[in-house]
Protein backbone atom coordinates (compact mmCIF):
# COMPACT_ATOMS: atom_id res chain seq x y z
CA MET A 1 38.27 159.59 90.53
CA SER A 2 36.39 162.62 89.28
CA VAL A 3 36.03 166.12 90.63
CA THR A 4 32.59 167.70 90.77
CA THR A 5 32.47 171.49 90.82
CA ILE A 6 29.13 173.26 91.07
CA ASN A 7 29.13 177.05 90.75
CA CYS A 8 25.81 178.23 92.08
CA LEU A 9 24.58 181.19 94.14
CA PHE A 10 22.49 179.05 96.43
CA SER A 11 22.80 175.63 97.96
CA LEU A 12 21.71 172.71 95.81
CA ILE A 13 21.43 169.05 96.64
CA ASN A 14 23.14 166.90 94.04
CA GLN A 15 23.18 163.19 93.50
CA LYS A 16 26.27 161.44 92.12
CA LEU A 17 26.10 158.06 90.42
CA TRP A 18 28.50 155.72 88.62
CA SER A 19 27.14 153.41 85.93
CA ILE A 20 29.17 150.68 84.25
CA TYR A 21 28.30 149.12 80.90
CA THR A 22 29.81 146.45 78.69
CA PRO A 23 29.96 147.91 75.17
CA ASN A 24 29.79 145.84 72.00
CA SER A 25 32.43 146.06 69.25
CA TYR A 26 30.79 149.27 67.95
CA GLY A 27 30.97 151.00 71.34
CA VAL A 28 27.23 150.72 71.95
CA ASP A 29 26.25 149.87 75.55
CA GLU A 30 24.85 146.36 75.66
CA GLN A 31 24.58 145.46 79.32
CA ASN A 32 24.50 147.40 82.57
CA VAL A 33 26.94 145.91 85.10
CA VAL A 34 25.29 145.85 88.51
CA ILE A 35 27.66 146.20 91.43
CA TYR A 36 26.06 145.16 94.69
CA ASP A 37 27.00 146.45 98.13
CA ASN A 38 29.38 149.14 96.90
CA PRO A 39 28.85 152.40 98.83
CA THR A 40 31.22 154.33 96.53
CA ILE A 41 28.82 154.04 93.59
CA ASN A 42 27.27 157.32 94.82
CA TYR A 43 30.51 159.24 95.37
CA ALA A 44 32.94 161.05 93.09
CA GLU A 45 35.59 158.37 93.71
CA LEU A 46 34.57 154.86 92.69
CA VAL A 47 36.43 152.03 94.43
CA LEU A 48 36.14 148.50 93.08
CA GLN A 49 37.39 145.46 94.96
CA PRO A 50 39.72 143.05 93.13
CA GLN A 51 37.98 140.62 90.78
CA THR A 52 34.77 142.68 90.75
CA LEU A 53 34.85 142.91 86.96
CA SER A 54 35.73 140.18 84.48
CA TYR A 55 38.43 140.78 81.90
CA GLY A 56 37.32 142.95 78.99
CA PHE A 57 36.17 146.45 78.01
CA TYR A 58 33.82 148.60 80.06
CA ARG A 59 32.28 152.04 79.75
CA PHE A 60 32.20 153.96 83.03
CA ILE A 61 29.68 156.83 83.20
CA TYR A 62 29.77 159.37 86.02
CA SER A 63 26.66 161.53 86.36
CA VAL A 64 25.66 164.36 88.67
CA THR A 65 22.00 165.33 88.98
CA MET A 66 20.83 168.47 90.77
CA SER A 67 17.68 167.37 92.49
CA ASN A 68 16.16 170.87 92.81
CA ASN A 69 15.82 171.37 89.06
CA ASN A 70 16.60 167.90 87.63
CA LEU A 71 19.65 169.02 85.62
CA THR A 72 22.05 166.17 84.85
CA SER A 73 25.61 166.24 83.60
CA LYS A 74 27.51 163.11 82.51
CA ILE A 75 31.01 162.16 81.55
CA ASP A 76 32.32 158.77 80.46
CA THR A 77 35.51 156.85 79.88
CA PHE A 78 36.43 153.41 78.64
CA VAL A 79 38.40 150.97 80.78
CA LYS A 80 40.03 147.69 79.81
CA VAL A 81 40.44 145.10 82.58
CA ILE A 82 43.40 142.83 81.83
CA PRO A 83 44.94 139.88 83.71
CA SER A 84 47.69 140.83 86.14
CA GLY A 85 49.73 137.78 85.24
CA LEU A 86 51.93 135.34 87.10
CA VAL A 87 54.87 136.00 89.38
CA ILE A 88 57.29 133.20 88.59
CA SER A 89 60.10 132.24 90.92
CA ALA A 90 61.70 128.81 90.87
CA LEU A 91 63.89 129.39 93.90
CA ARG A 92 63.04 130.10 97.50
CA SER A 93 64.52 133.36 98.74
CA SER A 94 64.82 134.95 102.17
CA GLN A 95 63.25 138.09 100.69
CA PRO A 96 59.81 138.41 99.07
CA MET A 97 59.92 137.37 95.42
CA TYR A 98 58.24 139.41 92.74
CA GLY A 99 59.45 137.39 89.76
CA GLY A 100 62.46 138.04 87.58
CA THR A 101 66.03 136.86 87.94
CA ILE A 102 67.91 136.23 91.16
CA GLU A 103 71.53 135.33 91.59
CA ILE A 104 72.63 132.48 93.83
CA THR A 105 76.02 130.95 94.53
CA ARG A 106 76.58 127.25 95.09
CA GLY A 107 79.81 125.29 95.51
CA ILE A 108 80.82 121.90 94.15
CA ASP A 109 78.37 119.11 95.07
CA GLN A 110 75.79 121.58 96.43
CA GLN A 111 72.31 121.14 95.04
CA ILE A 112 69.84 123.71 93.77
CA GLN A 113 66.19 122.81 94.14
CA PHE A 114 63.81 124.45 91.70
CA ASP A 115 60.22 124.52 92.91
CA PRO A 116 58.22 127.04 90.88
CA PHE A 117 54.94 125.44 91.99
CA LEU A 118 55.65 126.45 95.59
CA ASN A 119 57.46 129.76 95.01
CA SER A 120 55.29 131.27 92.24
CA TYR A 121 51.82 132.73 92.42
CA ASP A 122 49.02 134.18 90.32
CA ILE A 123 48.14 137.76 91.26
CA ASP A 124 44.52 137.25 90.15
CA SER A 125 44.21 133.82 91.81
CA VAL A 126 42.90 132.32 88.57
CA ALA A 127 45.60 129.84 87.54
CA VAL A 128 46.20 126.57 89.34
CA MET A 129 49.97 126.60 89.70
CA THR A 130 50.27 122.80 89.76
CA SER A 131 48.59 122.62 86.33
CA LEU A 132 51.34 124.72 84.71
CA THR A 133 54.44 123.39 82.97
CA PHE A 134 57.83 124.96 83.66
CA ARG A 135 60.84 124.54 81.36
CA TYR A 136 64.45 125.42 82.19
CA SER A 137 67.33 126.69 80.13
CA CYS A 138 70.65 128.19 81.13
CA GLN A 139 73.68 129.99 79.82
CA ILE A 140 77.30 130.03 80.94
CA ILE A 141 78.77 133.33 82.10
CA ASP A 142 82.57 133.21 82.26
CA SER A 143 84.47 136.33 83.44
CA ASN A 144 81.25 138.36 83.09
CA ILE A 145 80.93 137.38 79.42
CA GLN A 146 77.59 135.83 78.56
CA ALA A 147 77.82 132.87 76.19
CA GLY A 148 74.15 133.07 75.26
CA TYR A 149 71.51 130.41 75.67
CA PRO A 150 72.10 127.18 73.72
CA LEU A 151 70.08 126.93 70.52
CA VAL A 152 68.94 123.91 68.50
CA PRO A 153 71.36 123.68 65.53
CA GLY A 154 69.95 125.27 62.38
CA THR A 155 67.14 126.99 64.25
CA ASN A 156 66.64 129.97 66.50
CA GLN A 157 64.91 127.88 69.19
CA MET A 158 66.27 127.77 72.71
CA ILE A 159 67.21 124.38 74.15
CA PHE A 160 65.53 123.49 77.43
CA LEU A 161 66.72 120.99 80.04
CA ASP A 162 64.03 118.46 79.22
CA ASP A 163 65.08 118.53 75.52
CA PHE A 164 68.35 116.80 76.51
CA LYS A 165 66.40 113.90 78.02
CA TYR A 166 64.47 113.15 74.85
CA ASN A 167 66.99 114.03 72.12
CA SER A 168 70.42 112.36 72.33
CA THR A 169 71.78 114.45 69.42
CA LEU A 170 71.68 117.52 71.66
CA SER A 171 73.96 116.02 74.34
CA PRO A 172 77.18 117.65 72.97
CA LEU A 173 75.47 121.01 73.55
CA ASP A 174 74.91 120.18 77.24
CA THR A 175 77.86 122.27 78.44
CA CYS A 176 75.64 124.50 80.52
CA PHE A 177 73.87 122.02 82.77
CA ASN A 178 76.97 119.87 83.24
CA SER A 179 79.46 122.74 83.67
CA THR A 180 81.60 123.27 86.74
CA GLY A 181 83.58 126.32 87.76
CA TRP A 182 81.44 128.77 85.80
CA ILE A 183 78.41 130.84 86.63
CA ASN A 184 75.19 129.38 85.28
CA ASN A 185 72.29 131.69 84.48
CA PHE A 186 69.01 129.74 84.44
CA ILE A 187 65.78 130.98 82.91
CA TYR A 188 62.45 129.32 83.46
């Protein structure tokens, strides 16, 4: 939003206009971005609908022209449009999920069903959730003391649930997924 202040003794008609350009790596305008059917292009406050612009850098120029004497004033700024990202949630919750960690309690022989394909979403509606791969790891928390996530011996790499399926040498480290009586903290 910009504020236009005109100090003049008599009434003037002024025309406001927003222009958007894609600059090259040197900051030189290369292409004018045409925005169709946007009535705010001629107001001080420009409103763009989601997904109007592709990801990248843009130069926004706001100009005011006094039509009585053809004086024009311009100001510009650079804007970077970035992806909003994914909201990942593997568990269904009774409250809206915005990603992050949730705590659940389950008793002996009660199942937990992870379904990140159903419970996650892409804010920009670009990713196909079923084409993503989700990996799970966990840590044991006993008496509010975090044991840390299990690591592959000799490395600093976290062990994921599917690693146990394909590497039998990791099975002694599987205390987290096979534990009972402790709190398990899963990350995905």
